[in-house]
């Protein structure tokens, strides 16, 4: 059971890193390309990827919540972290410690 429980936590951590990185790429690379160099495809491609990773993060969060019986406060913190730049990285550090 411990191994399965740890796997769900690792899945959430990896999904959080991927989602956080895609969010930063969207904000720092794709959006400037769209508005400064008239390249809207950058936002389209990165935006779709980020959306997929965001849903994956939420599904992973639901899985971990059921496995570990997290409190509403902790789940809410993880959810809000996904909307803040660098938030998933900070939350990852909290669940790792």
PDB file of N, CA and C in Angstrom:
ATOM      1  N   UNK A   1       0.821  -1.200   0.000  1.00  0.00           N
ATOM      2  CA  UNK A   1       0.000   0.000   0.000  1.00  0.00           C
ATOM      3  C   UNK A   1       0.866   1.266   0.000  1.00  0.00           C
ATOM      4  N   UNK A   2       1.966   1.213   0.724  1.00  0.00           N
ATOM      5  CA  UNK A   2       2.849   2.370   0.772  1.00  0.00           C
ATOM      6  C   UNK A   2       3.395   2.707  -0.611  1.00  0.00           C
ATOM      7  N   UNK A   3       3.740   1.690  -1.378  1.00  0.00           N
ATOM      8  CA  UNK A   3       4.293   1.915  -2.707  1.00  0.00           C
ATOM      9  C   UNK A   3       3.254   2.573  -3.621  1.00  0.00           C
ATOM     10  N   UNK A   4       2.014   2.101  -3.576  1.00  0.00           N
ATOM     11  CA  UNK A   4       0.949   2.676  -4.400  1.00  0.00           C
ATOM     12  C   UNK A   4       0.661   4.111  -3.972  1.00  0.00           C
ATOM     13  N   UNK A   5       0.677   4.347  -2.678  1.00  0.00           N
ATOM     14  CA  UNK A   5       0.438   5.670  -2.136  1.00  0.00           C
ATOM     15  C   UNK A   5       1.538   6.640  -2.570  1.00  0.00           C
ATOM     16  N   UNK A   6       2.765   6.191  -2.528  1.00  0.00           N
ATOM     17  CA  UNK A   6       3.894   7.021  -2.948  1.00  0.00           C
ATOM     18  C   UNK A   6       3.841   7.294  -4.450  1.00  0.00           C
ATOM     19  N   UNK A   7       3.376   6.336  -5.213  1.00  0.00           N
ATOM     20  CA  UNK A   7       3.268   6.515  -6.665  1.00  0.00           C
ATOM     21  C   UNK A   7       2.268   7.621  -6.996  1.00  0.00           C
ATOM     22  N   UNK A   8       1.147   7.659  -6.284  1.00  0.00           N
ATOM     23  CA  UNK A   8       0.160   8.708  -6.545  1.00  0.00           C
ATOM     24  C   UNK A   8       0.724  10.080  -6.192  1.00  0.00           C
ATOM     25  N   UNK A   9       1.488  10.153  -5.114  1.00  0.00           N
ATOM     26  CA  UNK A   9       2.103  11.414  -4.721  1.00  0.00           C
ATOM     27  C   UNK A   9       3.147  11.860  -5.745  1.00  0.00           C
ATOM     28  N   UNK A  10       3.941  10.927  -6.238  1.00  0.00           N
ATOM     29  CA  UNK A  10       4.925  11.257  -7.277  1.00  0.00           C
ATOM     30  C   UNK A  10       4.248  11.704  -8.563  1.00  0.00           C
ATOM     31  N   UNK A  11       3.136  11.082  -8.912  1.00  0.00           N
ATOM     32  CA  UNK A  11       2.385  11.493 -10.105  1.00  0.00           C
ATOM     33  C   UNK A  11       1.922  12.934  -9.969  1.00  0.00           C
ATOM     34  N   UNK A  12       1.423  13.293  -8.790  1.00  0.00           N
ATOM     35  CA  UNK A  12       1.001  14.674  -8.550  1.00  0.00           C
ATOM     36  C   UNK A  12       2.186  15.628  -8.655  1.00  0.00           C
ATOM     37  N   UNK A  13       3.313  15.239  -8.101  1.00  0.00           N
ATOM     38  CA  UNK A  13       4.493  16.096  -8.162  1.00  0.00           C
ATOM     39  C   UNK A  13       4.945  16.311  -9.604  1.00  0.00           C
ATOM     40  N   UNK A  14       5.012  15.244 -10.391  1.00  0.00           N
ATOM     41  CA  UNK A  14       5.435  15.371 -11.793  1.00  0.00           C
ATOM     42  C   UNK A  14       4.423  16.187 -12.598  1.00  0.00           C
ATOM     43  N   UNK A  15       3.140  15.949 -12.355  1.00  0.00           N
ATOM     44  CA  UNK A  15       2.103  16.713 -13.057  1.00  0.00           C
ATOM     45  C   UNK A  15       2.188  18.186 -12.673  1.00  0.00           C
ATOM     46  N   UNK A  16       2.470  18.466 -11.408  1.00  0.00           N
ATOM     47  CA  UNK A  16       2.618  19.850 -10.955  1.00  0.00           C
ATOM     48  C   UNK A  16       3.798  20.544 -11.607  1.00  0.00           C
ATOM     49  N   UNK A  17       4.917  19.844 -11.700  1.00  0.00           N
ATOM     50  CA  UNK A  17       6.093  20.413 -12.367  1.00  0.00           C
ATOM     51  C   UNK A  17       5.808  20.675 -13.840  1.00  0.00           C
ATOM     52  N   UNK A  18       5.187  19.725 -14.509  1.00  0.00           N
ATOM     53  CA  UNK A  18       4.889  19.891 -15.938  1.00  0.00           C
ATOM     54  C   UNK A  18       3.905  21.035 -16.148  1.00  0.00           C
ATOM     55  N   UNK A  19       2.863  21.096 -15.316  1.00  0.00           N
ATOM     56  CA  UNK A  19       1.858  22.154 -15.436  1.00  0.00           C
ATOM     57  C   UNK A  19       2.475  23.511 -15.130  1.00  0.00           C
ATOM     58  N   UNK A  20       3.280  23.587 -14.085  1.00  0.00           N
ATOM     59  CA  UNK A  20       3.929  24.850 -13.726  1.00  0.00           C
ATOM     60  C   UNK A  20       4.887  25.338 -14.800  1.00  0.00           C
ATOM     61  N   UNK A  21       5.647  24.417 -15.362  1.00  0.00           N
ATOM     62  CA  UNK A  21       6.579  24.773 -16.427  1.00  0.00           C
ATOM     63  C   UNK A  21       5.832  25.233 -17.681  1.00  0.00           C
ATOM     64  N   UNK A  22       4.757  24.540 -18.028  1.00  0.00           N
ATOM     65  CA  UNK A  22       3.985  24.941 -19.211  1.00  0.00           C
ATOM     66  C   UNK A  22       3.339  26.314 -19.004  1.00  0.00           C
ATOM     67  N   UNK A  23       2.926  26.607 -17.774  1.00  0.00           N
ATOM     68  CA  UNK A  23       2.345  27.912 -17.461  1.00  0.00           C
ATOM     69  C   UNK A  23       3.388  29.015 -17.638  1.00  0.00           C
ATOM     70  N   UNK A  24       4.602  28.767 -17.154  1.00  0.00           N
ATOM     71  CA  UNK A  24       5.669  29.756 -17.308  1.00  0.00           C
ATOM     72  C   UNK A  24       6.058  29.947 -18.770  1.00  0.00           C
ATOM     73  N   UNK A  25       6.089  28.865 -19.534  1.00  0.00           N
ATOM     74  CA  UNK A  25       6.387  28.971 -20.969  1.00  0.00           C
ATOM     75  C   UNK A  25       5.297  29.774 -21.669  1.00  0.00           C
ATOM     76  N   UNK A  26       4.056  29.535 -21.273  1.00  0.00           N
ATOM     77  CA  UNK A  26       2.934  30.283 -21.851  1.00  0.00           C
ATOM     78  C   UNK A  26       3.066  31.774 -21.546  1.00  0.00           C
ATOM     79  N   UNK A  27       3.358  32.098 -20.294  1.00  0.00           N
ATOM     80  CA  UNK A  27       3.449  33.504 -19.894  1.00  0.00           C
ATOM     81  C   UNK A  27       4.702  34.208 -20.407  1.00  0.00           C
ATOM     82  N   UNK A  28       5.830  33.514 -20.365  1.00  0.00           N
ATOM     83  CA  UNK A  28       7.118  34.174 -20.638  1.00  0.00           C
ATOM     84  C   UNK A  28       7.619  34.040 -22.074  1.00  0.00           C
ATOM     85  N   UNK A  29       7.119  33.070 -22.803  1.00  0.00           N
ATOM     86  CA  UNK A  29       7.598  32.870 -24.175  1.00  0.00           C
ATOM     87  C   UNK A  29       6.464  33.017 -25.185  1.00  0.00           C
ATOM     88  N   UNK A  30       5.403  32.239 -25.010  1.00  0.00           N
ATOM     89  CA  UNK A  30       4.342  32.207 -26.024  1.00  0.00           C
ATOM     90  C   UNK A  30       3.585  33.528 -26.126  1.00  0.00           C
ATOM     91  N   UNK A  31       3.221  34.114 -24.984  1.00  0.00           N
ATOM     92  CA  UNK A  31       2.473  35.374 -25.048  1.00  0.00           C
ATOM     93  C   UNK A  31       3.306  36.523 -25.612  1.00  0.00           C
ATOM     94  N   UNK A  32       4.570  36.675 -25.218  1.00  0.00           N
ATOM     95  CA  UNK A  32       5.380  37.710 -25.882  1.00  0.00           C
ATOM     96  C   UNK A  32       5.534  37.470 -27.389  1.00  0.00           C
ATOM     97  N   UNK A  33       5.658  36.203 -27.796  1.00  0.00           N
ATOM     98  CA  UNK A  33       5.729  35.922 -29.232  1.00  0.00           C
ATOM     99  C   UNK A  33       4.449  36.351 -29.937  1.00  0.00           C
ATOM    100  N   UNK A  34       3.316  36.122 -29.292  1.00  0.00           N
ATOM    101  CA  UNK A  34       2.038  36.493 -29.905  1.00  0.00           C
ATOM    102  C   UNK A  34       1.915  38.010 -30.045  1.00  0.00           C
ATOM    103  N   UNK A  35       2.199  38.732 -28.980  1.00  0.00           N
ATOM    104  CA  UNK A  35       1.944  40.169 -28.989  1.00  0.00           C
ATOM    105  C   UNK A  35       3.100  41.002 -29.547  1.00  0.00           C
ATOM    106  N   UNK A  36       4.322  40.553 -29.415  1.00  0.00           N
ATOM    107  CA  UNK A  36       5.459  41.335 -29.914  1.00  0.00           C
ATOM    108  C   UNK A  36       5.802  40.994 -31.358  1.00  0.00           C
ATOM    109  N   UNK A  37       5.597  39.727 -31.741  1.00  0.00           N
ATOM    110  CA  UNK A  37       6.011  39.287 -33.074  1.00  0.00           C
ATOM    111  C   UNK A  37       4.864  38.734 -33.914  1.00  0.00           C
ATOM    112  N   UNK A  38       3.647  38.959 -33.451  1.00  0.00           N
ATOM    113  CA  UNK A  38       2.444  38.536 -34.175  1.00  0.00           C
ATOM    114  C   UNK A  38       2.504  37.049 -34.554  1.00  0.00           C
ATOM    115  N   UNK A  39       2.757  36.209 -33.554  1.00  0.00           N
ATOM    116  CA  UNK A  39       2.816  34.757 -33.748  1.00  0.00           C
ATOM    117  C   UNK A  39       1.777  34.083 -32.840  1.00  0.00           C
ATOM    118  N   UNK A  40       0.498  34.151 -33.218  1.00  0.00           N
ATOM    119  CA  UNK A  40      -0.541  33.589 -32.348  1.00  0.00           C
ATOM    120  C   UNK A  40      -0.491  32.066 -32.225  1.00  0.00           C
ATOM    121  N   UNK A  41       0.173  31.398 -33.159  1.00  0.00           N
ATOM    122  CA  UNK A  41       0.283  29.929 -33.082  1.00  0.00           C
ATOM    123  C   UNK A  41       1.010  29.480 -31.819  1.00  0.00           C
ATOM    124  N   UNK A  42       1.947  30.305 -31.346  1.00  0.00           N
ATOM    125  CA  UNK A  42       2.701  29.947 -30.142  1.00  0.00           C
ATOM    126  C   UNK A  42       1.759  29.779 -28.952  1.00  0.00           C
ATOM    127  N   UNK A  43       0.835  30.718 -28.787  1.00  0.00           N
ATOM    128  CA  UNK A  43      -0.122  30.631 -27.685  1.00  0.00           C
ATOM    129  C   UNK A  43      -1.073  29.467 -27.901  1.00  0.00           C
ATOM    130  N   UNK A  44      -1.454  29.223 -29.126  1.00  0.00           N
ATOM    131  CA  UNK A  44      -2.359  28.113 -29.415  1.00  0.00           C
ATOM    132  C   UNK A  44      -1.726  26.779 -29.024  1.00  0.00           C
ATOM    133  N   UNK A  45      -0.521  26.554 -29.461  1.00  0.00           N
ATOM    134  CA  UNK A  45       0.151  25.274 -29.199  1.00  0.00           C
ATOM    135  C   UNK A  45       0.460  25.106 -27.710  1.00  0.00           C
ATOM    136  N   UNK A  46       1.081  26.115 -27.126  1.00  0.00           N
ATOM    137  CA  UNK A  46       1.437  26.020 -25.706  1.00  0.00           C
ATOM    138  C   UNK A  46       0.180  26.045 -24.839  1.00  0.00           C
ATOM    139  N   UNK A  47      -0.824  26.797 -25.253  1.00  0.00           N
ATOM    140  CA  UNK A  47      -2.074  26.870 -24.493  1.00  0.00           C
ATOM    141  C   UNK A  47      -2.802  25.540 -24.430  1.00  0.00           C
ATOM    142  N   UNK A  48      -2.864  24.845 -25.543  1.00  0.00           N
ATOM    143  CA  UNK A  48      -3.502  23.524 -25.565  1.00  0.00           C
ATOM    144  C   UNK A  48      -2.713  22.544 -24.696  1.00  0.00           C
ATOM    145  N   UNK A  49      -1.405  22.590 -24.811  1.00  0.00           N
ATOM    146  CA  UNK A  49      -0.556  21.714 -23.996  1.00  0.00           C
ATOM    147  C   UNK A  49      -0.743  22.018 -22.512  1.00  0.00           C
ATOM    148  N   UNK A  50      -0.750  23.288 -22.178  1.00  0.00           N
ATOM    149  CA  UNK A  50      -0.941  23.689 -20.783  1.00  0.00           C
ATOM    150  C   UNK A  50      -2.319  23.250 -20.270  1.00  0.00           C
ATOM    151  N   UNK A  51      -3.331  23.395 -21.091  1.00  0.00           N
ATOM    152  CA  UNK A  51      -4.676  22.964 -20.696  1.00  0.00           C
ATOM    153  C   UNK A  51      -4.736  21.476 -20.398  1.00  0.00           C
ATOM    154  N   UNK A  52      -4.103  20.684 -21.239  1.00  0.00           N
ATOM    155  CA  UNK A  52      -4.050  19.236 -21.018  1.00  0.00           C
ATOM    156  C   UNK A  52      -3.321  18.920 -19.717  1.00  0.00           C
ATOM    157  N   UNK A  53      -2.189  19.577 -19.493  1.00  0.00           N
ATOM    158  CA  UNK A  53      -1.411  19.330 -18.276  1.00  0.00           C
ATOM    159  C   UNK A  53      -2.146  19.813 -17.028  1.00  0.00           C
ATOM    160  N   UNK A  54      -2.924  20.876 -17.160  1.00  0.00           N
ATOM    161  CA  UNK A  54      -3.721  21.361 -16.036  1.00  0.00           C
ATOM    162  C   UNK A  54      -4.772  20.326 -15.636  1.00  0.00           C
ATOM    163  N   UNK A  55      -5.449  19.759 -16.616  1.00  0.00           N
ATOM    164  CA  UNK A  55      -6.444  18.713 -16.332  1.00  0.00           C
ATOM    165  C   UNK A  55      -5.762  17.497 -15.712  1.00  0.00           C
ATOM    166  N   UNK A  56      -4.601  17.127 -16.221  1.00  0.00           N
ATOM    167  CA  UNK A  56      -3.840  16.012 -15.648  1.00  0.00           C
ATOM    168  C   UNK A  56      -3.474  16.299 -14.190  1.00  0.00           C
ATOM    169  N   UNK A  57      -3.094  17.531 -13.908  1.00  0.00           N
ATOM    170  CA  UNK A  57      -2.774  17.932 -12.534  1.00  0.00           C
ATOM    171  C   UNK A  57      -3.998  17.796 -11.634  1.00  0.00           C
ATOM    172  N   UNK A  58      -5.152  18.246 -12.107  1.00  0.00           N
ATOM    173  CA  UNK A  58      -6.372  18.149 -11.302  1.00  0.00           C
ATOM    174  C   UNK A  58      -6.774  16.698 -11.058  1.00  0.00           C
ATOM    175  N   UNK A  59      -6.629  15.853 -12.070  1.00  0.00           N
ATOM    176  CA  UNK A  59      -6.929  14.426 -11.885  1.00  0.00           C
ATOM    177  C   UNK A  59      -5.958  13.787 -10.895  1.00  0.00           C
ATOM    178  N   UNK A  60      -4.702  14.157 -10.985  1.00  0.00           N
ATOM    179  CA  UNK A  60      -3.701  13.648 -10.039  1.00  0.00           C
ATOM    180  C   UNK A  60      -4.008  14.126  -8.623  1.00  0.00           C
ATOM    181  N   UNK A  61      -4.434  15.371  -8.506  1.00  0.00           N
ATOM    182  CA  UNK A  61      -4.800  15.914  -7.198  1.00  0.00           C
ATOM    183  C   UNK A  61      -5.985  15.154  -6.604  1.00  0.00           C
ATOM    184  N   UNK A  62      -6.969  14.840  -7.431  1.00  0.00           N
ATOM    185  CA  UNK A  62      -8.118  14.060  -6.953  1.00  0.00           C
ATOM    186  C   UNK A  62      -7.682  12.675  -6.491  1.00  0.00           C
ATOM    187  N   UNK A  63      -6.794  12.057  -7.247  1.00  0.00           N
ATOM    188  CA  UNK A  63      -6.302  10.718  -6.901  1.00  0.00           C
ATOM    189  C   UNK A  63      -5.554  10.744  -5.565  1.00  0.00           C
ATOM    190  N   UNK A  64      -4.673  11.726  -5.398  1.00  0.00           N
ATOM    191  CA  UNK A  64      -3.914  11.844  -4.149  1.00  0.00           C
ATOM    192  C   UNK A  64      -4.845  12.156  -2.979  1.00  0.00           C
ATOM    193  N   UNK A  65      -5.837  12.996  -3.218  1.00  0.00           N
ATOM    194  CA  UNK A  65      -6.788  13.331  -2.162  1.00  0.00           C
ATOM    195  C   UNK A  65      -7.493  12.082  -1.648  1.00  0.00           C
ATOM    196  N   UNK A  66      -7.882  11.203  -2.543  1.00  0.00           N
ATOM    197  CA  UNK A  66      -8.539   9.961  -2.133  1.00  0.00           C
ATOM    198  C   UNK A  66      -7.562   9.002  -1.457  1.00  0.00           C
ATOM    199  N   UNK A  67      -6.354   8.899  -1.976  1.00  0.00           N
ATOM    200  CA  UNK A  67      -5.357   7.977  -1.425  1.00  0.00           C
ATOM    201  C   UNK A  67      -4.879   8.401  -0.034  1.00  0.00           C
ATOM    202  N   UNK A  68      -4.640   9.693   0.131  1.00  0.00           N
ATOM    203  CA  UNK A  68      -4.024  10.197   1.361  1.00  0.00           C
ATOM    204  C   UNK A  68      -5.016  10.863   2.307  1.00  0.00           C
ATOM    205  N   UNK A  69      -6.260  10.980   1.873  1.00  0.00           N
ATOM    206  CA  UNK A  69      -7.310  11.639   2.667  1.00  0.00           C
ATOM    207  C   UNK A  69      -6.872  13.037   3.114  1.00  0.00           C
ATOM    208  N   UNK A  70      -6.474  13.827   2.133  1.00  0.00           N
ATOM    209  CA  UNK A  70      -6.035  15.186   2.416  1.00  0.00           C
ATOM    210  C   UNK A  70      -7.206  16.034   2.882  1.00  0.00           C
ATOM    211  N   UNK A  71      -6.893  17.050   3.672  1.00  0.00           N
ATOM    212  CA  UNK A  71      -7.912  17.980   4.149  1.00  0.00           C
ATOM    213  C   UNK A  71      -8.331  18.915   3.013  1.00  0.00           C
ATOM    214  N   UNK A  72      -9.484  19.517   3.192  1.00  0.00           N
ATOM    215  CA  UNK A  72      -9.985  20.485   2.198  1.00  0.00           C
ATOM    216  C   UNK A  72      -8.998  21.649   2.066  1.00  0.00           C
ATOM    217  N   UNK A  73      -8.423  22.059   3.177  1.00  0.00           N
ATOM    218  CA  UNK A  73      -7.462  23.169   3.163  1.00  0.00           C
ATOM    219  C   UNK A  73      -6.255  22.845   2.284  1.00  0.00           C
ATOM    220  N   UNK A  74      -5.730  21.650   2.408  1.00  0.00           N
ATOM    221  CA  UNK A  74      -4.561  21.253   1.618  1.00  0.00           C
ATOM    222  C   UNK A  74      -4.924  21.120   0.135  1.00  0.00           C
ATOM    223  N   UNK A  75      -6.076  20.549  -0.156  1.00  0.00           N
ATOM    224  CA  UNK A  75      -6.523  20.401  -1.548  1.00  0.00           C
ATOM    225  C   UNK A  75      -6.750  21.781  -2.165  1.00  0.00           C
ATOM    226  N   UNK A  76      -7.360  22.674  -1.408  1.00  0.00           N
ATOM    227  CA  UNK A  76      -7.597  24.030  -1.894  1.00  0.00           C
ATOM    228  C   UNK A  76      -6.269  24.738  -2.182  1.00  0.00           C
ATOM    229  N   UNK A  77      -5.282  24.539  -1.308  1.00  0.00           N
ATOM    230  CA  UNK A  77      -3.953  25.119  -1.527  1.00  0.00           C
ATOM    231  C   UNK A  77      -3.310  24.602  -2.799  1.00  0.00           C
ATOM    232  N   UNK A  78      -3.437  23.301  -3.042  1.00  0.00           N
ATOM    233  CA  UNK A  78      -2.883  22.708  -4.262  1.00  0.00           C
ATOM    234  C   UNK A  78      -3.599  23.246  -5.494  1.00  0.00           C
ATOM    235  N   UNK A  79      -4.908  23.424  -5.388  1.00  0.00           N
ATOM    236  CA  UNK A  79      -5.696  23.939  -6.506  1.00  0.00           C
ATOM    237  C   UNK A  79      -5.304  25.384  -6.821  1.00  0.00           C
ATOM    238  N   UNK A  80      -5.231  26.208  -5.808  1.00  0.00           N
ATOM    239  CA  UNK A  80      -4.875  27.618  -6.000  1.00  0.00           C
ATOM    240  C   UNK A  80      -3.443  27.755  -6.521  1.00  0.00           C
ATOM    241  N   UNK A  81      -2.551  26.877  -6.085  1.00  0.00           N
ATOM    242  CA  UNK A  81      -1.150  26.935  -6.530  1.00  0.00           C
ATOM    243  C   UNK A  81      -1.036  26.812  -8.044  1.00  0.00           C
ATOM    244  N   UNK A  82      -1.959  26.107  -8.669  1.00  0.00           N
ATOM    245  CA  UNK A  82      -1.909  25.922 -10.120  1.00  0.00           C
ATOM    246  C   UNK A  82      -2.176  27.218 -10.881  1.00  0.00           C
ATOM    247  N   UNK A  83      -2.771  28.200 -10.225  1.00  0.00           N
ATOM    248  CA  UNK A  83      -3.108  29.462 -10.887  1.00  0.00           C
ATOM    249  C   UNK A  83      -2.061  30.552 -10.674  1.00  0.00           C
ATOM    250  N   UNK A  84      -1.067  30.268  -9.858  1.00  0.00           N
ATOM    251  CA  UNK A  84      -0.051  31.259  -9.513  1.00  0.00           C
ATOM    252  C   UNK A  84       1.280  30.849 -10.153  1.00  0.00           C
ATOM    253  N   UNK A  85       1.943  31.774 -10.865  1.00  0.00           N
ATOM    254  CA  UNK A  85       3.261  31.421 -11.397  1.00  0.00           C
ATOM    255  C   UNK A  85       4.186  30.955 -10.264  1.00  0.00           C
ATOM    256  N   UNK A  86       4.875  29.880 -10.483  1.00  0.00           N
ATOM    257  CA  UNK A  86       5.758  29.219  -9.517  1.00  0.00           C
ATOM    258  C   UNK A  86       4.997  28.536  -8.382  1.00  0.00           C
ATOM    259  N   UNK A  87       3.674  28.626  -8.371  1.00  0.00           N
ATOM    260  CA  UNK A  87       2.868  28.001  -7.322  1.00  0.00           C
ATOM    261  C   UNK A  87       3.036  26.494  -7.218  1.00  0.00           C
ATOM    262  N   UNK A  88       2.979  25.766  -8.339  1.00  0.00           N
ATOM    263  CA  UNK A  88       3.160  24.311  -8.237  1.00  0.00           C
ATOM    264  C   UNK A  88       4.526  23.901  -7.691  1.00  0.00           C
ATOM    265  N   UNK A  89       5.549  24.716  -7.942  1.00  0.00           N
ATOM    266  CA  UNK A  89       6.885  24.395  -7.444  1.00  0.00           C
ATOM    267  C   UNK A  89       6.957  24.584  -5.925  1.00  0.00           C
ATOM    268  N   UNK A  90       6.311  25.644  -5.436  1.00  0.00           N
ATOM    269  CA  UNK A  90       6.256  25.887  -3.993  1.00  0.00           C
ATOM    270  C   UNK A  90       5.452  24.783  -3.311  1.00  0.00           C
ATOM    271  N   UNK A  91       4.321  24.422  -3.907  1.00  0.00           N
ATOM    272  CA  UNK A  91       3.498  23.363  -3.323  1.00  0.00           C
ATOM    273  C   UNK A  91       4.239  22.029  -3.338  1.00  0.00           C
ATOM    274  N   UNK A  92       4.986  21.759  -4.385  1.00  0.00           N
ATOM    275  CA  UNK A  92       5.771  20.526  -4.455  1.00  0.00           C
ATOM    276  C   UNK A  92       6.763  20.455  -3.299  1.00  0.00           C
ATOM    277  N   UNK A  93       7.377  21.563  -3.017  1.00  0.00           N
ATOM    278  CA  UNK A  93       8.340  21.582  -1.903  1.00  0.00           C
ATOM    279  C   UNK A  93       7.646  21.306  -0.573  1.00  0.00           C
ATOM    280  N   UNK A  94       6.440  21.826  -0.434  1.00  0.00           N
ATOM    281  CA  UNK A  94       5.690  21.589   0.807  1.00  0.00           C
ATOM    282  C   UNK A  94       5.313  20.123   0.982  1.00  0.00           C
ATOM    283  N   UNK A  95       4.882  19.476  -0.090  1.00  0.00           N
ATOM    284  CA  UNK A  95       4.474  18.075   0.071  1.00  0.00           C
ATOM    285  C   UNK A  95       5.679  17.144   0.141  1.00  0.00           C
ATOM    286  N   UNK A  96       6.808  17.600  -0.347  1.00  0.00           N
ATOM    287  CA  UNK A  96       8.021  16.780  -0.274  1.00  0.00           C
ATOM    288  C   UNK A  96       8.579  16.762   1.144  1.00  0.00           C
ATOM    289  N   UNK A  97       8.401  17.860   1.864  1.00  0.00           N
ATOM    290  CA  UNK A  97       8.943  17.961   3.237  1.00  0.00           C
ATOM    291  C   UNK A  97       7.970  17.514   4.275  1.00  0.00           C
TER     292      UNK A  97
END
